[in-house]
């Protein structure tokens, strides 16, 4: 039985994923301004999305399964887009909220009722 060529990638992936999660959480909790939080959440979303899509593409190359790679990129891009479009930080209470309907024309903070969109 041949060893899996992607096994070391999984270990590196998990270590980087944990480091990104801890680092971004600590950084976001240190910010007080909701606009700065939203700006950095968007940046972290793009970084993590590119990291996940890139890792899945590398693994599919190592496994020599090239047909699934476009699906990773498309689904990953849709998930990143929806995360960017549907997450808000309220200007009045500074809490994060997520809009359940990405096609809604208005959205109010579920915590304090402030209009966010």
C-alpha atoms as a PDB file:
ATOM      1  CA  UNK A   1       0.000   0.000   0.000  1.00  0.00           C
ATOM      2  CA  UNK A   2       1.425   3.368  -1.007  1.00  0.00           C
ATOM      3  CA  UNK A   3       1.536   6.178   1.544  1.00  0.00           C
ATOM      4  CA  UNK A   4      -0.805   9.073   0.954  1.00  0.00           C
ATOM      5  CA  UNK A   5       1.169  11.927  -0.677  1.00  0.00           C
ATOM      6  CA  UNK A   6      -1.176  14.496   0.889  1.00  0.00           C
ATOM      7  CA  UNK A   7      -0.747  13.315   4.498  1.00  0.00           C
ATOM      8  CA  UNK A   8       1.855  15.977   5.417  1.00  0.00           C
ATOM      9  CA  UNK A   9      -0.355  18.629   3.818  1.00  0.00           C
ATOM     10  CA  UNK A  10      -3.198  17.762   6.202  1.00  0.00           C
ATOM     11  CA  UNK A  11      -0.976  18.273   9.233  1.00  0.00           C
ATOM     12  CA  UNK A  12       0.309  21.629   7.948  1.00  0.00           C
ATOM     13  CA  UNK A  13      -3.263  22.608   7.028  1.00  0.00           C
ATOM     14  CA  UNK A  14      -4.566  21.923  10.540  1.00  0.00           C
ATOM     15  CA  UNK A  15      -1.672  23.793  12.198  1.00  0.00           C
ATOM     16  CA  UNK A  16      -2.122  26.857   9.956  1.00  0.00           C
ATOM     17  CA  UNK A  17      -5.918  26.706  10.385  1.00  0.00           C
ATOM     18  CA  UNK A  18      -5.597  26.731  14.188  1.00  0.00           C
ATOM     19  CA  UNK A  19      -3.052  29.574  14.048  1.00  0.00           C
ATOM     20  CA  UNK A  20      -5.356  31.629  11.804  1.00  0.00           C
ATOM     21  CA  UNK A  21      -8.336  30.973  14.059  1.00  0.00           C
ATOM     22  CA  UNK A  22      -6.545  31.941  17.260  1.00  0.00           C
ATOM     23  CA  UNK A  23      -4.742  34.916  15.708  1.00  0.00           C
ATOM     24  CA  UNK A  24      -7.815  36.366  14.039  1.00  0.00           C
ATOM     25  CA  UNK A  25      -9.941  35.902  17.166  1.00  0.00           C
ATOM     26  CA  UNK A  26      -7.403  37.645  19.381  1.00  0.00           C
ATOM     27  CA  UNK A  27      -6.968  40.458  16.872  1.00  0.00           C
ATOM     28  CA  UNK A  28     -10.711  41.005  16.333  1.00  0.00           C
ATOM     29  CA  UNK A  29     -11.431  41.053  20.064  1.00  0.00           C
ATOM     30  CA  UNK A  30      -8.834  43.793  20.516  1.00  0.00           C
ATOM     31  CA  UNK A  31     -10.612  46.088  18.040  1.00  0.00           C
ATOM     32  CA  UNK A  32     -13.290  48.437  19.399  1.00  0.00           C
ATOM     33  CA  UNK A  33     -14.604  50.146  16.260  1.00  0.00           C
ATOM     34  CA  UNK A  34     -17.252  48.111  14.343  1.00  0.00           C
ATOM     35  CA  UNK A  35     -15.986  49.441  10.994  1.00  0.00           C
ATOM     36  CA  UNK A  36     -12.489  48.197  11.749  1.00  0.00           C
ATOM     37  CA  UNK A  37     -13.910  44.839  12.811  1.00  0.00           C
ATOM     38  CA  UNK A  38     -15.869  44.528   9.557  1.00  0.00           C
ATOM     39  CA  UNK A  39     -12.795  45.518   7.531  1.00  0.00           C
ATOM     40  CA  UNK A  40     -10.621  42.903   9.243  1.00  0.00           C
ATOM     41  CA  UNK A  41     -13.322  40.203   9.124  1.00  0.00           C
ATOM     42  CA  UNK A  42     -13.518  40.739   5.371  1.00  0.00           C
ATOM     43  CA  UNK A  43      -9.741  40.443   5.081  1.00  0.00           C
ATOM     44  CA  UNK A  44      -9.636  37.298   7.200  1.00  0.00           C
ATOM     45  CA  UNK A  45     -12.490  35.811   5.180  1.00  0.00           C
ATOM     46  CA  UNK A  46     -10.548  36.344   1.958  1.00  0.00           C
ATOM     47  CA  UNK A  47      -7.333  34.961   3.475  1.00  0.00           C
ATOM     48  CA  UNK A  48      -8.995  31.851   4.873  1.00  0.00           C
ATOM     49  CA  UNK A  49     -10.992  31.320   1.671  1.00  0.00           C
ATOM     50  CA  UNK A  50      -7.848  31.490  -0.463  1.00  0.00           C
ATOM     51  CA  UNK A  51      -6.058  29.197   1.996  1.00  0.00           C
ATOM     52  CA  UNK A  52      -8.806  26.554   1.934  1.00  0.00           C
ATOM     53  CA  UNK A  53      -9.276  26.684  -1.843  1.00  0.00           C
ATOM     54  CA  UNK A  54      -5.512  26.552  -2.411  1.00  0.00           C
ATOM     55  CA  UNK A  55      -5.062  23.622  -0.060  1.00  0.00           C
ATOM     56  CA  UNK A  56      -7.881  21.666  -1.689  1.00  0.00           C
ATOM     57  CA  UNK A  57      -6.397  22.340  -5.132  1.00  0.00           C
ATOM     58  CA  UNK A  58      -2.945  21.169  -3.975  1.00  0.00           C
ATOM     59  CA  UNK A  59      -4.463  18.008  -2.501  1.00  0.00           C
ATOM     60  CA  UNK A  60      -6.420  17.280  -5.670  1.00  0.00           C
ATOM     61  CA  UNK A  61      -3.182  17.681  -7.672  1.00  0.00           C
ATOM     62  CA  UNK A  62      -1.336  15.304  -5.332  1.00  0.00           C
ATOM     63  CA  UNK A  63      -4.170  12.777  -5.645  1.00  0.00           C
ATOM     64  CA  UNK A  64      -4.201  13.317  -9.424  1.00  0.00           C
ATOM     65  CA  UNK A  65      -7.903  14.103  -9.390  1.00  0.00           C
ATOM     66  CA  UNK A  66      -8.082  17.192 -11.595  1.00  0.00           C
ATOM     67  CA  UNK A  67     -11.793  17.027 -12.380  1.00  0.00           C
ATOM     68  CA  UNK A  68     -12.893  18.095  -8.894  1.00  0.00           C
ATOM     69  CA  UNK A  69     -10.654  21.183  -8.765  1.00  0.00           C
ATOM     70  CA  UNK A  70     -13.077  23.578 -10.552  1.00  0.00           C
ATOM     71  CA  UNK A  71     -15.804  22.587  -8.082  1.00  0.00           C
ATOM     72  CA  UNK A  72     -13.521  23.448  -5.134  1.00  0.00           C
ATOM     73  CA  UNK A  73     -12.829  26.857  -6.633  1.00  0.00           C
ATOM     74  CA  UNK A  74     -16.467  27.605  -7.518  1.00  0.00           C
ATOM     75  CA  UNK A  75     -17.971  26.445  -4.218  1.00  0.00           C
ATOM     76  CA  UNK A  76     -15.197  28.108  -2.228  1.00  0.00           C
ATOM     77  CA  UNK A  77     -15.709  31.403  -4.059  1.00  0.00           C
ATOM     78  CA  UNK A  78     -19.482  31.256  -3.463  1.00  0.00           C
ATOM     79  CA  UNK A  79     -18.987  30.586   0.253  1.00  0.00           C
ATOM     80  CA  UNK A  80     -16.502  33.476   0.555  1.00  0.00           C
ATOM     81  CA  UNK A  81     -18.869  35.782  -1.339  1.00  0.00           C
ATOM     82  CA  UNK A  82     -21.814  34.898   0.892  1.00  0.00           C
ATOM     83  CA  UNK A  83     -19.716  35.378   4.034  1.00  0.00           C
ATOM     84  CA  UNK A  84     -18.641  38.820   2.832  1.00  0.00           C
ATOM     85  CA  UNK A  85     -22.157  39.821   1.822  1.00  0.00           C
ATOM     86  CA  UNK A  86     -24.065  38.488   4.819  1.00  0.00           C
ATOM     87  CA  UNK A  87     -21.939  39.413   7.843  1.00  0.00           C
ATOM     88  CA  UNK A  88     -22.350  42.741   9.623  1.00  0.00           C
ATOM     89  CA  UNK A  89     -21.068  44.526  12.692  1.00  0.00           C
ATOM     90  CA  UNK A  90     -23.639  46.794  14.290  1.00  0.00           C
ATOM     91  CA  UNK A  91     -22.610  50.447  14.691  1.00  0.00           C
ATOM     92  CA  UNK A  92     -24.638  50.853  17.877  1.00  0.00           C
ATOM     93  CA  UNK A  93     -23.960  47.639  19.855  1.00  0.00           C
ATOM     94  CA  UNK A  94     -20.756  46.423  18.090  1.00  0.00           C
ATOM     95  CA  UNK A  95     -22.035  42.839  17.889  1.00  0.00           C
ATOM     96  CA  UNK A  96     -21.641  40.636  14.858  1.00  0.00           C
ATOM     97  CA  UNK A  97     -24.730  39.379  13.085  1.00  0.00           C
ATOM     98  CA  UNK A  98     -25.352  37.298  10.014  1.00  0.00           C
ATOM     99  CA  UNK A  99     -28.128  37.892   7.537  1.00  0.00           C
ATOM    100  CA  UNK A 100     -29.911  34.629   6.710  1.00  0.00           C
ATOM    101  CA  UNK A 101     -31.309  35.819   3.376  1.00  0.00           C
ATOM    102  CA  UNK A 102     -28.574  37.195   1.071  1.00  0.00           C
ATOM    103  CA  UNK A 103     -31.214  38.651  -1.263  1.00  0.00           C
ATOM    104  CA  UNK A 104     -33.054  40.697   1.389  1.00  0.00           C
ATOM    105  CA  UNK A 105     -33.127  44.432   0.792  1.00  0.00           C
ATOM    106  CA  UNK A 106     -33.018  45.399   4.479  1.00  0.00           C
ATOM    107  CA  UNK A 107     -31.509  43.867   7.601  1.00  0.00           C
ATOM    108  CA  UNK A 108     -31.720  44.951  11.232  1.00  0.00           C
ATOM    109  CA  UNK A 109     -29.423  43.963  14.087  1.00  0.00           C
ATOM    110  CA  UNK A 110     -31.026  41.047  15.984  1.00  0.00           C
ATOM    111  CA  UNK A 111     -29.448  42.317  19.212  1.00  0.00           C
ATOM    112  CA  UNK A 112     -30.524  45.964  19.286  1.00  0.00           C
ATOM    113  CA  UNK A 113     -32.722  46.542  16.202  1.00  0.00           C
ATOM    114  CA  UNK A 114     -30.381  49.027  14.494  1.00  0.00           C
ATOM    115  CA  UNK A 115     -30.716  49.066  10.686  1.00  0.00           C
ATOM    116  CA  UNK A 116     -27.606  47.537   9.109  1.00  0.00           C
ATOM    117  CA  UNK A 117     -28.651  47.297   5.478  1.00  0.00           C
END
